[in-house]
Amino acid sequence: RSTPKPSSAASDVYKSQDLSTLRGTLSFIESQMKDLQLLFKSTKQRRKDIRVGEQLQKVQRLFQQTLDRSRISLNIEVIGIPLVAKTTEAVLLQLFLNLFDNAVYWLEGVKGDRRIEIQLNGDDCTLIFADSGPGFRDEDLAYIFEPFFSGKGEEGRGLGLYIARQLLERHEYAIDAVSYTHLRAHETREDL
């Protein structure tokens, strides 16, 4: 027995839907690539006032499917005026890519509440990035910004937080980390 062939009209509808889906996917990929290309531009980019929340949203869009798949909730709180940093988009994208990547890695091993909380405070020029993961071990806190130190063992390269700190310091900002055992698993604070 042979499978009946769809009618020409039905076939055209399927092709049209496939093309529409493909166009939408390509448009999404194109917008994401434009954001990622900023990371590879010359390091001689001029610093300018950048709304931190806008860069955060770009990286959030990149990670949204991963957050959904891993059942990680994300809460972004904005306090006061918009948080603005005099830097480059590449610096903020690199920072957020690293923080999200680390948070997702550690949260995937958590049973129960998986969340990322981000606070953008334009009034006191700070950003707090926290998650409900296991937190930093006390003995590791002194080393997490050192090159090649990773709490991930063989899976980590130990460069993400080191690079983030170097970039931020080059632009006269600071990054620090603290670990809480109850309220928030670990928190990274950037004074922007």
N, C-alpha and C. Protein backbone atom coordinates (compact mmCIF):
# COMPACT_ATOMS: atom_id res chain seq x y z
N ARG A 1 0.82 -1.19 0.00
CA ARG A 1 0.00 0.00 0.00
C ARG A 1 0.85 1.25 0.00
N SER A 2 0.45 2.24 -0.68
CA SER A 2 1.19 3.50 -0.71
C SER A 2 0.43 4.55 0.08
N THR A 3 1.19 5.48 0.65
CA THR A 3 0.60 6.59 1.41
C THR A 3 0.06 7.60 0.42
N PRO A 4 -1.18 8.07 0.64
CA PRO A 4 -1.71 9.06 -0.29
C PRO A 4 -0.89 10.34 -0.23
N LYS A 5 -0.66 10.91 -1.39
CA LYS A 5 0.07 12.17 -1.47
C LYS A 5 -0.86 13.32 -1.12
N PRO A 6 -0.35 14.32 -0.36
CA PRO A 6 -1.20 15.47 -0.05
C PRO A 6 -1.53 16.22 -1.34
N SER A 7 -2.67 16.85 -1.32
CA SER A 7 -3.07 17.63 -2.49
C SER A 7 -2.08 18.77 -2.69
N SER A 8 -2.08 19.29 -3.89
CA SER A 8 -1.17 20.39 -4.22
C SER A 8 -1.43 21.60 -3.32
N ALA A 9 -2.71 21.90 -3.04
CA ALA A 9 -3.04 23.05 -2.18
C ALA A 9 -2.53 22.83 -0.76
N ALA A 10 -2.72 21.60 -0.23
CA ALA A 10 -2.24 21.30 1.13
C ALA A 10 -0.72 21.36 1.19
N SER A 11 -0.08 20.87 0.14
CA SER A 11 1.38 20.90 0.07
C SER A 11 1.89 22.35 0.08
N ASP A 12 1.20 23.22 -0.66
CA ASP A 12 1.59 24.63 -0.70
C ASP A 12 1.44 25.29 0.67
N VAL A 13 0.40 24.92 1.42
CA VAL A 13 0.18 25.47 2.76
C VAL A 13 1.32 25.04 3.68
N TYR A 14 1.71 23.74 3.62
CA TYR A 14 2.81 23.27 4.45
C TYR A 14 4.11 23.98 4.10
N LYS A 15 4.38 24.16 2.80
CA LYS A 15 5.59 24.85 2.38
C LYS A 15 5.58 26.29 2.87
N SER A 16 4.44 26.95 2.79
CA SER A 16 4.32 28.33 3.25
C SER A 16 4.57 28.44 4.75
N GLN A 17 4.02 27.49 5.52
CA GLN A 17 4.24 27.49 6.97
C GLN A 17 5.71 27.23 7.29
N ASP A 18 6.31 26.27 6.56
CA ASP A 18 7.73 25.97 6.78
C ASP A 18 8.60 27.19 6.49
N LEU A 19 8.30 27.88 5.37
CA LEU A 19 9.08 29.07 5.02
C LEU A 19 8.90 30.18 6.05
N SER A 20 7.69 30.34 6.54
CA SER A 20 7.42 31.35 7.55
C SER A 20 8.18 31.04 8.84
N THR A 21 8.17 29.78 9.25
CA THR A 21 8.91 29.36 10.45
C THR A 21 10.40 29.58 10.24
N LEU A 22 10.90 29.22 9.08
CA LEU A 22 12.32 29.39 8.77
C LEU A 22 12.71 30.87 8.79
N ARG A 23 11.87 31.74 8.20
CA ARG A 23 12.15 33.18 8.21
C ARG A 23 12.21 33.71 9.64
N GLY A 24 11.26 33.28 10.47
CA GLY A 24 11.25 33.73 11.87
C GLY A 24 12.49 33.28 12.61
N THR A 25 12.90 32.03 12.39
CA THR A 25 14.10 31.51 13.03
C THR A 25 15.34 32.26 12.58
N LEU A 26 15.45 32.49 11.27
CA LEU A 26 16.61 33.23 10.75
C LEU A 26 16.65 34.66 11.27
N SER A 27 15.50 35.29 11.39
CA SER A 27 15.44 36.65 11.92
C SER A 27 15.92 36.67 13.37
N PHE A 28 15.50 35.69 14.16
CA PHE A 28 15.94 35.58 15.55
C PHE A 28 17.45 35.39 15.62
N ILE A 29 17.97 34.48 14.81
CA ILE A 29 19.41 34.20 14.80
C ILE A 29 20.18 35.45 14.40
N GLU A 30 19.69 36.17 13.40
CA GLU A 30 20.36 37.39 12.95
C GLU A 30 20.44 38.42 14.07
N SER A 31 19.35 38.62 14.81
CA SER A 31 19.38 39.61 15.90
C SER A 31 20.33 39.17 17.01
N GLN A 32 20.39 37.86 17.30
CA GLN A 32 21.29 37.37 18.33
C GLN A 32 22.74 37.50 17.89
N MET A 33 23.02 37.26 16.63
CA MET A 33 24.39 37.38 16.12
C MET A 33 24.87 38.82 16.19
N LYS A 34 23.99 39.78 15.91
CA LYS A 34 24.38 41.19 16.01
C LYS A 34 24.82 41.52 17.42
N ASP A 35 24.09 40.99 18.42
CA ASP A 35 24.47 41.23 19.81
C ASP A 35 25.81 40.58 20.14
N LEU A 36 26.00 39.35 19.67
CA LEU A 36 27.25 38.64 19.97
C LEU A 36 28.44 39.25 19.24
N GLN A 37 28.22 39.82 18.06
CA GLN A 37 29.33 40.41 17.31
C GLN A 37 29.97 41.56 18.07
N LEU A 38 29.21 42.20 18.95
CA LEU A 38 29.78 43.28 19.75
C LEU A 38 30.96 42.80 20.59
N LEU A 39 30.95 41.53 20.96
CA LEU A 39 32.02 40.98 21.78
C LEU A 39 33.34 40.88 21.02
N PHE A 40 33.25 40.86 19.71
CA PHE A 40 34.44 40.63 18.91
C PHE A 40 34.93 41.87 18.18
N LYS A 41 34.33 43.00 18.48
CA LYS A 41 34.78 44.25 17.88
C LYS A 41 36.09 44.66 18.52
N SER A 42 36.73 45.60 17.93
CA SER A 42 38.00 46.10 18.43
C SER A 42 37.88 46.53 19.89
N THR A 43 38.93 46.30 20.65
CA THR A 43 38.94 46.71 22.05
C THR A 43 39.07 48.23 22.16
N LYS A 44 39.21 48.90 21.05
CA LYS A 44 39.35 50.34 21.07
C LYS A 44 38.00 51.06 20.95
N GLN A 45 36.92 50.33 21.24
CA GLN A 45 35.61 50.98 21.22
C GLN A 45 35.61 52.15 22.19
N ARG A 46 34.89 53.17 21.84
CA ARG A 46 34.78 54.33 22.72
C ARG A 46 33.77 54.06 23.82
N ARG A 47 34.14 54.48 25.01
CA ARG A 47 33.21 54.37 26.13
C ARG A 47 32.10 55.38 25.94
N LYS A 48 30.93 54.98 26.32
CA LYS A 48 29.78 55.88 26.26
C LYS A 48 28.81 55.49 27.36
N ASP A 49 27.87 56.36 27.66
CA ASP A 49 26.86 56.05 28.65
C ASP A 49 25.93 54.99 28.09
N ILE A 50 25.85 53.86 28.78
CA ILE A 50 25.03 52.74 28.33
C ILE A 50 24.06 52.36 29.44
N ARG A 51 22.81 52.21 29.07
CA ARG A 51 21.81 51.72 30.03
C ARG A 51 22.07 50.23 30.25
N VAL A 52 22.43 49.89 31.47
CA VAL A 52 22.80 48.52 31.81
C VAL A 52 21.63 47.57 31.58
N GLY A 53 20.42 48.00 31.89
CA GLY A 53 19.25 47.15 31.72
C GLY A 53 19.04 46.69 30.28
N GLU A 54 19.39 47.53 29.31
CA GLU A 54 19.23 47.16 27.91
C GLU A 54 20.18 46.02 27.53
N GLN A 55 21.41 46.08 28.04
CA GLN A 55 22.37 45.00 27.76
C GLN A 55 21.95 43.72 28.48
N LEU A 56 21.43 43.88 29.68
CA LEU A 56 20.93 42.73 30.43
C LEU A 56 19.82 42.03 29.66
N GLN A 57 18.91 42.80 29.07
CA GLN A 57 17.81 42.21 28.30
C GLN A 57 18.32 41.42 27.10
N LYS A 58 19.37 41.89 26.45
CA LYS A 58 19.94 41.16 25.31
C LYS A 58 20.42 39.79 25.74
N VAL A 59 21.13 39.74 26.86
CA VAL A 59 21.66 38.46 27.33
C VAL A 59 20.53 37.59 27.87
N GLN A 60 19.56 38.20 28.50
CA GLN A 60 18.40 37.44 28.97
C GLN A 60 17.72 36.72 27.81
N ARG A 61 17.57 37.41 26.68
CA ARG A 61 16.95 36.78 25.50
C ARG A 61 17.77 35.58 25.03
N LEU A 62 19.09 35.70 25.08
CA LEU A 62 19.95 34.58 24.68
C LEU A 62 19.76 33.37 25.58
N PHE A 63 19.55 33.61 26.87
CA PHE A 63 19.46 32.52 27.84
C PHE A 63 18.03 32.08 28.13
N GLN A 64 17.03 32.77 27.59
CA GLN A 64 15.65 32.49 28.00
C GLN A 64 15.23 31.04 27.79
N GLN A 65 15.56 30.44 26.66
CA GLN A 65 15.20 29.04 26.42
C GLN A 65 15.87 28.12 27.43
N THR A 66 17.12 28.39 27.75
CA THR A 66 17.84 27.59 28.73
C THR A 66 17.20 27.74 30.11
N LEU A 67 16.85 28.97 30.47
CA LEU A 67 16.20 29.20 31.76
C LEU A 67 14.87 28.45 31.82
N ASP A 68 14.09 28.53 30.76
CA ASP A 68 12.80 27.83 30.72
C ASP A 68 12.99 26.33 30.81
N ARG A 69 13.90 25.79 30.01
CA ARG A 69 14.15 24.35 29.99
C ARG A 69 14.63 23.84 31.36
N SER A 70 15.44 24.63 32.03
CA SER A 70 15.99 24.23 33.33
C SER A 70 15.10 24.64 34.50
N ARG A 71 13.95 25.25 34.18
CA ARG A 71 12.99 25.70 35.20
C ARG A 71 13.63 26.65 36.20
N ILE A 72 14.33 27.64 35.64
CA ILE A 72 14.98 28.67 36.46
C ILE A 72 14.16 29.95 36.31
N SER A 73 13.69 30.48 37.43
CA SER A 73 12.95 31.73 37.37
C SER A 73 13.93 32.90 37.42
N LEU A 74 13.54 33.99 36.79
CA LEU A 74 14.38 35.18 36.74
C LEU A 74 13.55 36.36 37.21
N ASN A 75 14.09 37.09 38.17
CA ASN A 75 13.43 38.29 38.66
C ASN A 75 14.41 39.45 38.54
N ILE A 76 13.99 40.49 37.82
CA ILE A 76 14.82 41.69 37.66
C ILE A 76 14.10 42.83 38.35
N GLU A 77 14.77 43.45 39.30
CA GLU A 77 14.21 44.57 40.05
C GLU A 77 14.98 45.84 39.69
N VAL A 78 14.26 46.87 39.32
CA VAL A 78 14.88 48.15 39.00
C VAL A 78 14.52 49.13 40.11
N ILE A 79 15.55 49.73 40.68
CA ILE A 79 15.36 50.70 41.76
C ILE A 79 15.83 52.06 41.28
N GLY A 80 14.96 53.05 41.45
CA GLY A 80 15.34 54.43 41.13
C GLY A 80 15.48 54.68 39.64
N ILE A 81 16.40 55.56 39.34
CA ILE A 81 16.64 55.94 37.94
C ILE A 81 17.32 54.77 37.22
N PRO A 82 17.27 54.75 35.88
CA PRO A 82 17.94 53.67 35.15
C PRO A 82 19.44 53.65 35.47
N LEU A 83 19.97 52.45 35.65
CA LEU A 83 21.40 52.28 35.91
C LEU A 83 22.16 52.50 34.60
N VAL A 84 23.12 53.42 34.63
CA VAL A 84 23.91 53.77 33.46
C VAL A 84 25.38 53.58 33.80
N ALA A 85 26.14 53.01 32.87
CA ALA A 85 27.58 52.84 33.05
C ALA A 85 28.30 53.46 31.87
N LYS A 86 29.42 54.12 32.13
CA LYS A 86 30.24 54.67 31.05
C LYS A 86 31.26 53.58 30.70
N THR A 87 30.93 52.82 29.67
CA THR A 87 31.73 51.67 29.27
C THR A 87 31.40 51.34 27.83
N THR A 88 31.65 50.11 27.42
CA THR A 88 31.26 49.65 26.08
C THR A 88 30.22 48.55 26.23
N GLU A 89 29.44 48.36 25.18
CA GLU A 89 28.46 47.29 25.21
C GLU A 89 29.14 45.93 25.38
N ALA A 90 30.31 45.76 24.77
CA ALA A 90 31.02 44.48 24.84
C ALA A 90 31.37 44.10 26.28
N VAL A 91 31.76 45.07 27.08
CA VAL A 91 32.12 44.79 28.48
C VAL A 91 30.90 44.27 29.23
N LEU A 92 29.77 44.94 29.07
CA LEU A 92 28.57 44.51 29.78
C LEU A 92 28.06 43.17 29.26
N LEU A 93 28.12 42.96 27.94
CA LEU A 93 27.70 41.67 27.40
C LEU A 93 28.57 40.54 27.93
N GLN A 94 29.88 40.73 27.95
CA GLN A 94 30.79 39.72 28.47
C GLN A 94 30.47 39.41 29.94
N LEU A 95 30.25 40.45 30.73
CA LEU A 95 29.93 40.29 32.14
C LEU A 95 28.66 39.46 32.30
N PHE A 96 27.58 39.87 31.63
CA PHE A 96 26.30 39.17 31.79
C PHE A 96 26.33 37.75 31.24
N LEU A 97 27.02 37.54 30.12
CA LEU A 97 27.14 36.19 29.59
C LEU A 97 27.80 35.27 30.61
N ASN A 98 28.84 35.76 31.25
CA ASN A 98 29.53 34.95 32.25
C ASN A 98 28.66 34.69 33.48
N LEU A 99 28.02 35.73 33.99
CA LEU A 99 27.20 35.56 35.18
C LEU A 99 26.02 34.61 34.93
N PHE A 100 25.36 34.77 33.80
CA PHE A 100 24.25 33.86 33.47
C PHE A 100 24.76 32.43 33.29
N ASP A 101 25.87 32.28 32.57
CA ASP A 101 26.42 30.95 32.33
C ASP A 101 26.76 30.25 33.64
N ASN A 102 27.41 30.96 34.55
CA ASN A 102 27.75 30.38 35.84
C ASN A 102 26.50 30.03 36.64
N ALA A 103 25.54 30.94 36.67
CA ALA A 103 24.32 30.70 37.44
C ALA A 103 23.58 29.46 36.92
N VAL A 104 23.43 29.37 35.60
CA VAL A 104 22.73 28.21 35.02
C VAL A 104 23.48 26.92 35.36
N TYR A 105 24.80 26.93 35.23
CA TYR A 105 25.59 25.74 35.53
C TYR A 105 25.32 25.26 36.96
N TRP A 106 25.40 26.16 37.93
CA TRP A 106 25.24 25.76 39.33
C TRP A 106 23.79 25.48 39.68
N LEU A 107 22.85 26.14 39.05
CA LEU A 107 21.43 25.91 39.37
C LEU A 107 20.91 24.60 38.80
N GLU A 108 21.48 24.12 37.71
CA GLU A 108 21.00 22.86 37.14
C GLU A 108 21.17 21.70 38.10
N GLY A 109 22.09 21.80 39.06
CA GLY A 109 22.27 20.74 40.05
C GLY A 109 21.43 20.92 41.30
N VAL A 110 20.63 21.96 41.35
CA VAL A 110 19.82 22.26 42.53
C VAL A 110 18.46 21.59 42.42
N LYS A 111 18.07 20.90 43.47
CA LYS A 111 16.72 20.35 43.54
C LYS A 111 15.87 21.39 44.26
N GLY A 112 14.71 21.67 43.73
CA GLY A 112 13.85 22.66 44.37
C GLY A 112 13.95 24.01 43.69
N ASP A 113 13.91 25.05 44.51
CA ASP A 113 13.84 26.43 44.03
C ASP A 113 15.09 26.82 43.23
N ARG A 114 14.88 27.15 41.97
CA ARG A 114 15.97 27.61 41.10
C ARG A 114 15.61 29.02 40.64
N ARG A 115 16.41 29.97 41.09
CA ARG A 115 16.07 31.34 40.70
C ARG A 115 17.33 32.20 40.57
N ILE A 116 17.19 33.20 39.72
CA ILE A 116 18.20 34.25 39.56
C ILE A 116 17.49 35.55 39.89
N GLU A 117 18.12 36.34 40.73
CA GLU A 117 17.57 37.65 41.09
C GLU A 117 18.61 38.71 40.74
N ILE A 118 18.16 39.72 40.01
CA ILE A 118 19.05 40.79 39.60
C ILE A 118 18.44 42.11 40.04
N GLN A 119 19.25 42.92 40.66
CA GLN A 119 18.79 44.24 41.11
C GLN A 119 19.65 45.30 40.42
N LEU A 120 18.99 46.19 39.71
CA LEU A 120 19.66 47.32 39.06
C LEU A 120 19.27 48.56 39.84
N ASN A 121 20.23 49.17 40.52
CA ASN A 121 19.93 50.33 41.34
C ASN A 121 20.66 51.54 40.77
N GLY A 122 19.91 52.36 40.04
CA GLY A 122 20.50 53.56 39.44
C GLY A 122 20.77 54.65 40.44
N ASP A 123 20.05 54.61 41.59
CA ASP A 123 20.26 55.65 42.60
C ASP A 123 21.63 55.52 43.27
N ASP A 124 22.05 54.28 43.58
CA ASP A 124 23.37 54.13 44.20
C ASP A 124 24.39 53.47 43.27
N CYS A 125 24.03 53.36 41.98
CA CYS A 125 24.94 52.87 40.94
C CYS A 125 25.49 51.47 41.23
N THR A 126 24.59 50.56 41.59
CA THR A 126 25.02 49.18 41.85
C THR A 126 24.15 48.20 41.10
N LEU A 127 24.74 47.04 40.84
CA LEU A 127 24.06 45.91 40.25
C LEU A 127 24.32 44.72 41.16
N ILE A 128 23.27 44.01 41.52
CA ILE A 128 23.43 42.79 42.30
C ILE A 128 22.88 41.65 41.46
N PHE A 129 23.68 40.61 41.30
CA PHE A 129 23.30 39.41 40.55
C PHE A 129 23.41 38.25 41.54
N ALA A 130 22.29 37.62 41.85
CA ALA A 130 22.28 36.55 42.84
C ALA A 130 21.51 35.35 42.30
N ASP A 131 21.85 34.17 42.80
CA ASP A 131 21.08 32.99 42.43
C ASP A 131 20.93 32.08 43.65
N SER A 132 20.06 31.10 43.51
CA SER A 132 19.77 30.19 44.63
C SER A 132 20.59 28.90 44.54
N GLY A 133 21.74 28.98 43.91
CA GLY A 133 22.63 27.83 43.79
C GLY A 133 23.34 27.55 45.10
N PRO A 134 24.32 26.65 45.09
CA PRO A 134 24.98 26.22 46.32
C PRO A 134 25.88 27.29 46.96
N GLY A 135 26.19 28.34 46.24
CA GLY A 135 27.06 29.39 46.80
C GLY A 135 28.52 29.03 46.68
N PHE A 136 29.35 29.98 47.00
CA PHE A 136 30.79 29.76 46.97
C PHE A 136 31.22 29.13 48.28
N ARG A 137 32.20 28.26 48.22
CA ARG A 137 32.79 27.74 49.45
C ARG A 137 33.64 28.86 50.05
N ASP A 138 33.60 29.00 51.37
CA ASP A 138 34.36 30.07 52.03
C ASP A 138 35.83 30.07 51.62
N GLU A 139 36.41 28.89 51.52
CA GLU A 139 37.84 28.82 51.18
C GLU A 139 38.12 29.19 49.73
N ASP A 140 37.09 29.23 48.89
CA ASP A 140 37.27 29.59 47.48
C ASP A 140 37.09 31.08 47.21
N LEU A 141 36.40 31.79 48.09
CA LEU A 141 36.07 33.20 47.83
C LEU A 141 37.29 34.06 47.49
N ALA A 142 38.41 33.79 48.12
CA ALA A 142 39.61 34.60 47.88
C ALA A 142 40.20 34.35 46.49
N TYR A 143 39.78 33.28 45.81
CA TYR A 143 40.42 32.88 44.56
C TYR A 143 39.52 32.95 43.33
N ILE A 144 38.23 33.23 43.49
CA ILE A 144 37.31 33.09 42.35
C ILE A 144 37.59 34.06 41.21
N PHE A 145 38.29 35.14 41.47
CA PHE A 145 38.62 36.08 40.39
C PHE A 145 40.03 35.87 39.86
N GLU A 146 40.68 34.81 40.31
CA GLU A 146 42.04 34.50 39.84
C GLU A 146 41.96 33.72 38.53
N PRO A 147 42.93 33.93 37.62
CA PRO A 147 42.90 33.18 36.37
C PRO A 147 43.07 31.68 36.61
N PHE A 148 42.30 30.90 35.89
CA PHE A 148 42.34 29.44 35.88
C PHE A 148 41.81 28.79 37.16
N PHE A 149 41.20 29.56 38.04
CA PHE A 149 40.55 28.96 39.21
C PHE A 149 39.10 28.70 38.85
N SER A 150 38.65 27.47 39.03
CA SER A 150 37.26 27.14 38.75
C SER A 150 36.74 26.16 39.78
N GLY A 151 35.55 26.43 40.26
CA GLY A 151 34.88 25.49 41.16
C GLY A 151 34.20 24.38 40.38
N LYS A 152 34.24 24.45 39.05
CA LYS A 152 33.56 23.47 38.21
C LYS A 152 34.42 22.24 37.92
N GLY A 153 35.63 22.20 38.45
CA GLY A 153 36.51 21.07 38.19
C GLY A 153 36.94 21.05 36.73
N GLU A 154 36.92 19.86 36.12
CA GLU A 154 37.35 19.69 34.73
C GLU A 154 36.48 20.44 33.73
N GLU A 155 35.23 20.75 34.13
CA GLU A 155 34.30 21.41 33.21
C GLU A 155 34.57 22.91 33.06
N GLY A 156 35.29 23.50 34.00
CA GLY A 156 35.52 24.94 33.96
C GLY A 156 36.91 25.29 33.50
N ARG A 157 37.03 26.49 32.92
CA ARG A 157 38.34 26.99 32.49
C ARG A 157 38.91 27.99 33.48
N GLY A 158 38.04 28.55 34.32
CA GLY A 158 38.51 29.50 35.32
C GLY A 158 38.90 30.85 34.76
N LEU A 159 38.27 31.25 33.67
CA LEU A 159 38.62 32.54 33.08
C LEU A 159 37.48 33.55 33.12
N GLY A 160 36.26 33.11 33.24
CA GLY A 160 35.10 33.99 33.14
C GLY A 160 35.09 35.13 34.12
N LEU A 161 35.15 34.84 35.41
CA LEU A 161 35.13 35.91 36.42
C LEU A 161 36.42 36.71 36.40
N TYR A 162 37.52 36.07 36.07
CA TYR A 162 38.80 36.79 35.94
C TYR A 162 38.69 37.84 34.84
N ILE A 163 38.20 37.43 33.67
CA ILE A 163 38.06 38.37 32.55
C ILE A 163 37.06 39.47 32.89
N ALA A 164 35.95 39.09 33.52
CA ALA A 164 34.95 40.08 33.91
C ALA A 164 35.56 41.14 34.81
N ARG A 165 36.34 40.71 35.81
CA ARG A 165 36.96 41.68 36.72
C ARG A 165 37.96 42.56 35.98
N GLN A 166 38.79 41.97 35.12
CA GLN A 166 39.78 42.74 34.38
C GLN A 166 39.12 43.81 33.51
N LEU A 167 38.06 43.42 32.81
CA LEU A 167 37.35 44.38 31.95
C LEU A 167 36.73 45.50 32.77
N LEU A 168 36.08 45.14 33.87
CA LEU A 168 35.43 46.16 34.69
C LEU A 168 36.45 47.10 35.32
N GLU A 169 37.55 46.56 35.82
CA GLU A 169 38.58 47.42 36.42
C GLU A 169 39.20 48.34 35.39
N ARG A 170 39.36 47.86 34.16
CA ARG A 170 39.91 48.70 33.09
C ARG A 170 38.99 49.89 32.83
N HIS A 171 37.71 49.73 33.13
CA HIS A 171 36.74 50.81 32.93
C HIS A 171 36.37 51.49 34.25
N GLU A 172 37.22 51.25 35.27
CA GLU A 172 37.10 51.89 36.58
C GLU A 172 35.85 51.49 37.35
N TYR A 173 35.47 50.20 37.22
CA TYR A 173 34.38 49.63 38.00
C TYR A 173 34.91 48.46 38.82
N ALA A 174 34.10 47.99 39.75
CA ALA A 174 34.53 46.91 40.62
C ALA A 174 33.50 45.78 40.61
N ILE A 175 33.98 44.57 40.86
CA ILE A 175 33.11 43.41 41.01
C ILE A 175 33.58 42.67 42.25
N ASP A 176 32.65 42.20 43.02
CA ASP A 176 32.98 41.46 44.23
C ASP A 176 31.96 40.35 44.39
N ALA A 177 32.25 39.39 45.23
CA ALA A 177 31.34 38.27 45.46
C ALA A 177 31.24 37.99 46.94
N VAL A 178 30.04 37.62 47.34
CA VAL A 178 29.78 37.16 48.71
C VAL A 178 28.92 35.92 48.61
N SER A 179 28.92 35.12 49.67
CA SER A 179 28.15 33.89 49.66
C SER A 179 27.25 33.87 50.89
N TYR A 180 25.97 33.58 50.66
CA TYR A 180 25.01 33.43 51.75
C TYR A 180 24.52 32.00 51.72
N THR A 181 24.29 31.43 52.87
CA THR A 181 23.82 30.05 52.89
C THR A 181 22.30 29.93 52.94
N HIS A 182 21.60 30.99 53.33
CA HIS A 182 20.15 30.87 53.45
C HIS A 182 19.39 31.68 52.42
N LEU A 183 19.59 32.97 52.46
CA LEU A 183 18.80 33.86 51.64
C LEU A 183 19.09 33.71 50.15
N ARG A 184 20.32 33.93 49.78
CA ARG A 184 20.74 33.81 48.39
C ARG A 184 22.00 32.97 48.36
N ALA A 185 22.08 32.14 47.39
CA ALA A 185 23.22 31.24 47.34
C ALA A 185 24.51 31.97 47.06
N HIS A 186 24.57 32.75 46.02
CA HIS A 186 25.74 33.60 45.84
C HIS A 186 25.36 34.86 45.11
N GLU A 187 26.09 35.85 45.41
CA GLU A 187 25.76 37.18 44.93
C GLU A 187 27.02 37.82 44.38
N THR A 188 26.88 38.42 43.26
CA THR A 188 28.00 39.16 42.69
C THR A 188 27.58 40.61 42.60
N ARG A 189 28.40 41.48 43.11
CA ARG A 189 28.03 42.90 43.18
C ARG A 189 29.00 43.70 42.32
N GLU A 190 28.44 44.48 41.43
CA GLU A 190 29.23 45.36 40.61
C GLU A 190 28.86 46.78 41.00
N ASP A 191 29.83 47.59 41.30
CA ASP A 191 29.56 49.00 41.57
C ASP A 191 29.79 49.74 40.27
N LEU A 192 28.71 50.12 39.64
CA LEU A 192 28.80 50.80 38.34
C LEU A 192 28.60 52.27 38.49
